[in-house]
Amino acid sequence: MGLRVNTNIASLNAQRNLEGITARLNTNYRRLSTGLRITTAADDAAGLAISERLRAQIRSIQQAKRNANDGISLVQTTEGALNEVSSIMIRMRELAIQANNGSVSSSDRKTLNEEFSALISEVDRIAKSTRFNQISLLDGSATNLQFQVGFGTTGGVDTILVSLSPALSTSLGLNGLSINSSGSPSASIAAIDTAIDTISS
């Protein structure tokens, strides 16, 4: 008895076509679910490489924008503190001029000096407590802060350097100033003017 092999060519063609349609359908489902035209290198190898590079640049630019906003916030925090220190020094100068008056009694001068000394302490308090994201800004511990604001590596273009100077009374030349005795207010006025120039620059 002979062996007979029957083939159903139409059925085999239908099965092959069904497998092809199913594969394309799965690819379309994957694209629809991700929203991407290229989901694997098999879809378009060159297109995927370009897409990934562009996606990396976009993500880098978004982070650089966040870095720039953080830098702006840090500078605004520092500026607010320095404005307050400047206002305090203007008041100190006013007190020194008031004390540098022959008609002021020693008791009044002592009272003026108490406020003057308290203002020096307030300058130190502001300098020590001004922080941004746990970074002390005006106590001398942070001097140069760099911010990546571009997606490249070119210094001065993709990065910004913020230089901070300490605003402690010792750094500004205010430590030890007094307006309690005659003659001392004049020296204090000169020192305060120098400190105001330092803060303003």
C-alpha atoms as a PDB file:
ATOM      1  CA  MET A   1       0.000   0.000   0.000  1.00  0.00           C
ATOM      2  CA  GLY A   2       1.490   3.315  -1.015  1.00  0.00           C
ATOM      3  CA  LEU A   3       1.814   6.437   1.088  1.00  0.00           C
ATOM      4  CA  ARG A   4      -0.163   9.378  -0.146  1.00  0.00           C
ATOM      5  CA  VAL A   5       0.618  13.008   0.836  1.00  0.00           C
ATOM      6  CA  ASN A   6      -2.185  15.459   0.399  1.00  0.00           C
ATOM      7  CA  THR A   7      -1.522  19.176   0.450  1.00  0.00           C
ATOM      8  CA  ASN A   8      -4.027  21.919   0.678  1.00  0.00           C
ATOM      9  CA  ILE A   9      -2.257  24.820  -0.981  1.00  0.00           C
ATOM     10  CA  ALA A  10      -5.157  27.199  -0.448  1.00  0.00           C
ATOM     11  CA  SER A  11      -5.145  26.492   3.297  1.00  0.00           C
ATOM     12  CA  LEU A  12      -1.380  27.011   3.572  1.00  0.00           C
ATOM     13  CA  ASN A  13      -1.634  30.338   1.718  1.00  0.00           C
ATOM     14  CA  ALA A  14      -4.476  31.457   3.974  1.00  0.00           C
ATOM     15  CA  GLN A  15      -2.481  30.539   7.094  1.00  0.00           C
ATOM     16  CA  ARG A  16       0.634  32.385   5.843  1.00  0.00           C
ATOM     17  CA  ASN A  17      -1.473  35.460   5.028  1.00  0.00           C
ATOM     18  CA  LEU A  18      -3.113  35.302   8.461  1.00  0.00           C
ATOM     19  CA  GLU A  19       0.294  35.216  10.188  1.00  0.00           C
ATOM     20  CA  GLY A  20       1.460  38.239   8.167  1.00  0.00           C
ATOM     21  CA  ILE A  21      -1.701  40.183   8.933  1.00  0.00           C
ATOM     22  CA  THR A  22      -1.446  39.269  12.635  1.00  0.00           C
ATOM     23  CA  ALA A  23       2.193  40.498  12.757  1.00  0.00           C
ATOM     24  CA  ARG A  24       1.247  43.796  11.078  1.00  0.00           C
ATOM     25  CA  LEU A  25      -1.763  44.139  13.379  1.00  0.00           C
ATOM     26  CA  ASN A  26       0.465  43.643  16.443  1.00  0.00           C
ATOM     27  CA  THR A  27       2.862  46.296  15.106  1.00  0.00           C
ATOM     28  CA  ASN A  28      -0.040  48.716  14.619  1.00  0.00           C
ATOM     29  CA  TYR A  29      -1.357  47.983  18.126  1.00  0.00           C
ATOM     30  CA  ARG A  30       2.112  48.655  19.554  1.00  0.00           C
ATOM     31  CA  ARG A  31       2.335  51.945  17.667  1.00  0.00           C
ATOM     32  CA  LEU A  32      -1.146  52.969  18.751  1.00  0.00           C
ATOM     33  CA  SER A  33      -0.502  52.124  22.397  1.00  0.00           C
ATOM     34  CA  THR A  34       2.805  54.064  22.538  1.00  0.00           C
ATOM     35  CA  GLY A  35       1.859  56.867  20.170  1.00  0.00           C
ATOM     36  CA  LEU A  36       5.187  56.369  18.379  1.00  0.00           C
ATOM     37  CA  ARG A  37       5.719  55.535  14.722  1.00  0.00           C
ATOM     38  CA  ILE A  38       9.017  53.819  15.548  1.00  0.00           C
ATOM     39  CA  THR A  39       8.922  51.511  18.555  1.00  0.00           C
ATOM     40  CA  THR A  40      11.795  49.131  17.775  1.00  0.00           C
ATOM     41  CA  ALA A  41      14.847  49.148  15.535  1.00  0.00           C
ATOM     42  CA  ALA A  42      13.012  46.711  13.268  1.00  0.00           C
ATOM     43  CA  ASP A  43      10.534  49.465  12.345  1.00  0.00           C
ATOM     44  CA  ASP A  44      13.225  51.891  11.140  1.00  0.00           C
ATOM     45  CA  ALA A  45      16.776  51.552  12.473  1.00  0.00           C
ATOM     46  CA  ALA A  46      18.029  54.931  11.218  1.00  0.00           C
ATOM     47  CA  GLY A  47      14.825  56.661  12.238  1.00  0.00           C
ATOM     48  CA  LEU A  48      15.066  55.139  15.723  1.00  0.00           C
ATOM     49  CA  ALA A  49      18.640  56.412  16.153  1.00  0.00           C
ATOM     50  CA  ILE A  50      17.611  59.930  15.098  1.00  0.00           C
ATOM     51  CA  SER A  51      14.515  59.778  17.271  1.00  0.00           C
ATOM     52  CA  GLU A  52      16.472  58.682  20.356  1.00  0.00           C
ATOM     53  CA  ARG A  53      19.063  61.438  19.847  1.00  0.00           C
ATOM     54  CA  LEU A  54      16.338  64.073  19.509  1.00  0.00           C
ATOM     55  CA  ARG A  55      14.508  62.697  22.526  1.00  0.00           C
ATOM     56  CA  ALA A  56      17.732  62.907  24.570  1.00  0.00           C
ATOM     57  CA  GLN A  57      18.202  66.532  23.477  1.00  0.00           C
ATOM     58  CA  ILE A  58      14.609  67.426  24.359  1.00  0.00           C
ATOM     59  CA  ARG A  59      14.919  65.863  27.820  1.00  0.00           C
ATOM     60  CA  SER A  60      18.263  67.633  28.320  1.00  0.00           C
ATOM     61  CA  ILE A  61      16.767  70.986  27.317  1.00  0.00           C
ATOM     62  CA  GLN A  62      13.841  70.462  29.694  1.00  0.00           C
ATOM     63  CA  GLN A  63      16.253  69.763  32.561  1.00  0.00           C
ATOM     64  CA  ALA A  64      18.426  72.734  31.576  1.00  0.00           C
ATOM     65  CA  LYS A  65      15.310  74.913  31.754  1.00  0.00           C
ATOM     66  CA  ARG A  66      14.607  73.607  35.267  1.00  0.00           C
ATOM     67  CA  ASN A  67      18.244  74.319  36.188  1.00  0.00           C
ATOM     68  CA  ALA A  68      17.926  77.881  34.881  1.00  0.00           C
ATOM     69  CA  ASN A  69      14.750  78.400  36.912  1.00  0.00           C
ATOM     70  CA  ASP A  70      16.530  77.064  40.010  1.00  0.00           C
ATOM     71  CA  GLY A  71      19.380  79.485  39.340  1.00  0.00           C
ATOM     72  CA  ILE A  72      16.946  82.387  39.017  1.00  0.00           C
ATOM     73  CA  SER A  73      15.275  81.425  42.290  1.00  0.00           C
ATOM     74  CA  LEU A  74      18.649  81.167  44.035  1.00  0.00           C
ATOM     75  CA  VAL A  75      19.722  84.594  42.777  1.00  0.00           C
ATOM     76  CA  GLN A  76      16.367  86.105  43.802  1.00  0.00           C
ATOM     77  CA  THR A  77      16.741  84.631  47.293  1.00  0.00           C
ATOM     78  CA  THR A  78      20.248  86.077  47.558  1.00  0.00           C
ATOM     79  CA  GLU A  79      19.113  89.435  46.202  1.00  0.00           C
ATOM     80  CA  GLY A  80      16.273  89.646  48.718  1.00  0.00           C
ATOM     81  CA  ALA A  81      18.648  88.972  51.604  1.00  0.00           C
ATOM     82  CA  LEU A  82      21.197  91.501  50.324  1.00  0.00           C
ATOM     83  CA  ASN A  83      18.472  94.136  49.927  1.00  0.00           C
ATOM     84  CA  GLU A  84      17.577  93.594  53.576  1.00  0.00           C
ATOM     85  CA  VAL A  85      21.245  93.847  54.617  1.00  0.00           C
ATOM     86  CA  SER A  86      21.559  97.042  52.581  1.00  0.00           C
ATOM     87  CA  SER A  87      18.496  98.525  54.313  1.00  0.00           C
ATOM     88  CA  ILE A  88      20.004  97.636  57.676  1.00  0.00           C
ATOM     89  CA  MET A  89      23.287  99.338  56.782  1.00  0.00           C
ATOM     90  CA  ILE A  90      21.434 102.459  55.664  1.00  0.00           C
ATOM     91  CA  ARG A  91      19.750 102.529  59.078  1.00  0.00           C
ATOM     92  CA  MET A  92      23.161 101.992  60.742  1.00  0.00           C
ATOM     93  CA  ARG A  93      24.543 104.952  58.795  1.00  0.00           C
ATOM     94  CA  GLU A  94      21.584 107.042  59.895  1.00  0.00           C
ATOM     95  CA  LEU A  95      22.253 106.100  63.541  1.00  0.00           C
ATOM     96  CA  ALA A  96      25.960 106.915  63.165  1.00  0.00           C
ATOM     97  CA  ILE A  97      25.133 110.355  61.771  1.00  0.00           C
ATOM     98  CA  GLN A  98      22.629 110.906  64.569  1.00  0.00           C
ATOM     99  CA  ALA A  99      25.246 109.919  67.160  1.00  0.00           C
ATOM    100  CA  ASN A 100      27.815 112.235  65.560  1.00  0.00           C
ATOM    101  CA  ASN A 101      26.034 115.257  66.984  1.00  0.00           C
ATOM    102  CA  GLY A 102      27.436 117.319  69.826  1.00  0.00           C
ATOM    103  CA  SER A 103      23.988 117.792  71.335  1.00  0.00           C
ATOM    104  CA  VAL A 104      23.447 114.042  71.882  1.00  0.00           C
ATOM    105  CA  SER A 105      23.920 113.003  75.507  1.00  0.00           C
ATOM    106  CA  SER A 106      26.056 110.004  76.445  1.00  0.00           C
ATOM    107  CA  SER A 107      22.887 108.206  77.545  1.00  0.00           C
ATOM    108  CA  ASP A 108      21.255 108.816  74.180  1.00  0.00           C
ATOM    109  CA  ARG A 109      24.436 107.766  72.385  1.00  0.00           C
ATOM    110  CA  LYS A 110      24.451 104.547  74.401  1.00  0.00           C
ATOM    111  CA  THR A 111      20.847 103.858  73.353  1.00  0.00           C
ATOM    112  CA  LEU A 112      21.732 104.558  69.721  1.00  0.00           C
ATOM    113  CA  ASN A 113      24.730 102.222  70.019  1.00  0.00           C
ATOM    114  CA  GLU A 114      22.534  99.416  71.387  1.00  0.00           C
ATOM    115  CA  GLU A 115      20.373  99.565  68.267  1.00  0.00           C
ATOM    116  CA  PHE A 116      23.512  99.878  66.132  1.00  0.00           C
ATOM    117  CA  SER A 117      25.002  96.715  67.686  1.00  0.00           C
ATOM    118  CA  ALA A 118      21.695  94.866  67.324  1.00  0.00           C
ATOM    119  CA  LEU A 119      21.675  95.742  63.624  1.00  0.00           C
ATOM    120  CA  ILE A 120      25.188  94.315  63.208  1.00  0.00           C
ATOM    121  CA  SER A 121      23.939  91.095  64.830  1.00  0.00           C
ATOM    122  CA  GLU A 122      20.962  91.102  62.450  1.00  0.00           C
ATOM    123  CA  VAL A 123      23.314  91.347  59.454  1.00  0.00           C
ATOM    124  CA  ASP A 124      25.079  88.212  60.729  1.00  0.00           C
ATOM    125  CA  ARG A 125      21.768  86.439  61.350  1.00  0.00           C
ATOM    126  CA  ILE A 126      20.599  87.137  57.789  1.00  0.00           C
ATOM    127  CA  ALA A 127      23.942  86.038  56.317  1.00  0.00           C
ATOM    128  CA  LYS A 128      23.914  82.781  58.285  1.00  0.00           C
ATOM    129  CA  SER A 129      20.253  81.933  57.675  1.00  0.00           C
ATOM    130  CA  THR A 130      19.934  82.739  53.962  1.00  0.00           C
ATOM    131  CA  ARG A 131      19.662  79.330  52.297  1.00  0.00           C
ATOM    132  CA  PHE A 132      18.445  77.795  49.088  1.00  0.00           C
ATOM    133  CA  ASN A 133      17.930  74.034  48.993  1.00  0.00           C
ATOM    134  CA  GLN A 134      20.113  73.586  52.093  1.00  0.00           C
ATOM    135  CA  ILE A 135      22.926  75.682  50.549  1.00  0.00           C
ATOM    136  CA  SER A 136      24.073  78.612  52.689  1.00  0.00           C
ATOM    137  CA  LEU A 137      24.393  81.534  50.318  1.00  0.00           C
ATOM    138  CA  LEU A 138      25.916  84.427  52.257  1.00  0.00           C
ATOM    139  CA  ASP A 139      28.062  82.911  55.012  1.00  0.00           C
ATOM    140  CA  GLY A 140      31.072  82.289  52.753  1.00  0.00           C
ATOM    141  CA  SER A 141      30.628  78.529  52.386  1.00  0.00           C
ATOM    142  CA  ALA A 142      29.278  78.778  48.816  1.00  0.00           C
ATOM    143  CA  THR A 143      31.371  81.024  46.604  1.00  0.00           C
ATOM    144  CA  ASN A 144      30.934  79.768  43.022  1.00  0.00           C
ATOM    145  CA  LEU A 145      27.810  77.903  41.920  1.00  0.00           C
ATOM    146  CA  GLN A 146      27.589  76.577  38.365  1.00  0.00           C
ATOM    147  CA  PHE A 147      24.308  75.965  36.555  1.00  0.00           C
ATOM    148  CA  GLN A 148      23.970  73.862  33.385  1.00  0.00           C
ATOM    149  CA  VAL A 149      21.475  75.864  31.314  1.00  0.00           C
ATOM    150  CA  GLY A 150      22.109  74.329  27.891  1.00  0.00           C
ATOM    151  CA  PHE A 151      22.249  70.779  26.565  1.00  0.00           C
ATOM    152  CA  GLY A 152      25.858  71.040  25.360  1.00  0.00           C
ATOM    153  CA  THR A 153      29.216  71.218  27.098  1.00  0.00           C
ATOM    154  CA  THR A 154      30.496  74.626  26.007  1.00  0.00           C
ATOM    155  CA  GLY A 155      31.517  76.620  29.067  1.00  0.00           C
ATOM    156  CA  GLY A 156      30.061  80.112  29.231  1.00  0.00           C
ATOM    157  CA  VAL A 157      27.364  79.138  26.730  1.00  0.00           C
ATOM    158  CA  ASP A 158      25.793  76.068  28.255  1.00  0.00           C
ATOM    159  CA  THR A 159      26.771  76.892  31.846  1.00  0.00           C
ATOM    160  CA  ILE A 160      26.390  79.960  34.042  1.00  0.00           C
ATOM    161  CA  LEU A 161      28.639  80.656  37.021  1.00  0.00           C
ATOM    162  CA  VAL A 162      27.143  82.571  39.949  1.00  0.00           C
ATOM    163  CA  SER A 163      29.755  84.052  42.294  1.00  0.00           C
ATOM    164  CA  LEU A 164      28.655  84.765  45.856  1.00  0.00           C
ATOM    165  CA  SER A 165      30.498  86.892  48.395  1.00  0.00           C
ATOM    166  CA  PRO A 166      29.960  86.509  52.132  1.00  0.00           C
ATOM    167  CA  ALA A 167      27.782  89.131  53.819  1.00  0.00           C
ATOM    168  CA  LEU A 168      28.877  88.516  57.407  1.00  0.00           C
ATOM    169  CA  SER A 169      29.736  91.566  59.502  1.00  0.00           C
ATOM    170  CA  THR A 170      33.389  90.456  59.582  1.00  0.00           C
ATOM    171  CA  SER A 171      33.483  90.232  55.759  1.00  0.00           C
ATOM    172  CA  LEU A 172      31.859  93.643  55.381  1.00  0.00           C
ATOM    173  CA  GLY A 173      34.074  95.349  57.957  1.00  0.00           C
ATOM    174  CA  LEU A 174      31.183  96.021  60.345  1.00  0.00           C
ATOM    175  CA  ASN A 175      32.323  93.792  63.196  1.00  0.00           C
ATOM    176  CA  GLY A 176      33.440  95.784  66.216  1.00  0.00           C
ATOM    177  CA  LEU A 177      32.031  99.105  65.001  1.00  0.00           C
ATOM    178  CA  SER A 178      30.593 101.375  67.638  1.00  0.00           C
ATOM    179  CA  ILE A 179      28.992 104.801  67.834  1.00  0.00           C
ATOM    180  CA  ASN A 180      29.183 104.976  71.634  1.00  0.00           C
ATOM    181  CA  SER A 181      32.013 107.480  71.949  1.00  0.00           C
ATOM    182  CA  SER A 182      32.719 110.768  70.265  1.00  0.00           C
ATOM    183  CA  GLY A 183      34.702 110.317  67.073  1.00  0.00           C
ATOM    184  CA  SER A 184      33.677 106.685  66.632  1.00  0.00           C
ATOM    185  CA  PRO A 185      30.583 107.559  64.564  1.00  0.00           C
ATOM    186  CA  SER A 186      32.766 109.136  61.846  1.00  0.00           C
ATOM    187  CA  ALA A 187      34.864 105.981  61.520  1.00  0.00           C
ATOM    188  CA  SER A 188      31.693 103.901  61.482  1.00  0.00           C
ATOM    189  CA  ILE A 189      30.181 106.012  58.692  1.00  0.00           C
ATOM    190  CA  ALA A 190      33.246 105.410  56.497  1.00  0.00           C
ATOM    191  CA  ALA A 191      33.166 101.659  57.203  1.00  0.00           C
ATOM    192  CA  ILE A 192      29.426 101.484  56.481  1.00  0.00           C
ATOM    193  CA  ASP A 193      29.881 103.330  53.176  1.00  0.00           C
ATOM    194  CA  THR A 194      32.521 100.787  52.151  1.00  0.00           C
ATOM    195  CA  ALA A 195      30.216  97.923  53.164  1.00  0.00           C
ATOM    196  CA  ILE A 196      27.309  99.401  51.180  1.00  0.00           C
ATOM    197  CA  ASP A 197      29.571  99.664  48.114  1.00  0.00           C
ATOM    198  CA  THR A 198      30.615  96.027  48.610  1.00  0.00           C
ATOM    199  CA  ILE A 199      26.999  94.832  48.825  1.00  0.00           C
ATOM    200  CA  SER A 200      25.978  96.902  45.795  1.00  0.00           C
ATOM    201  CA  SER A 201      28.702  95.568  43.512  1.00  0.00           C
END
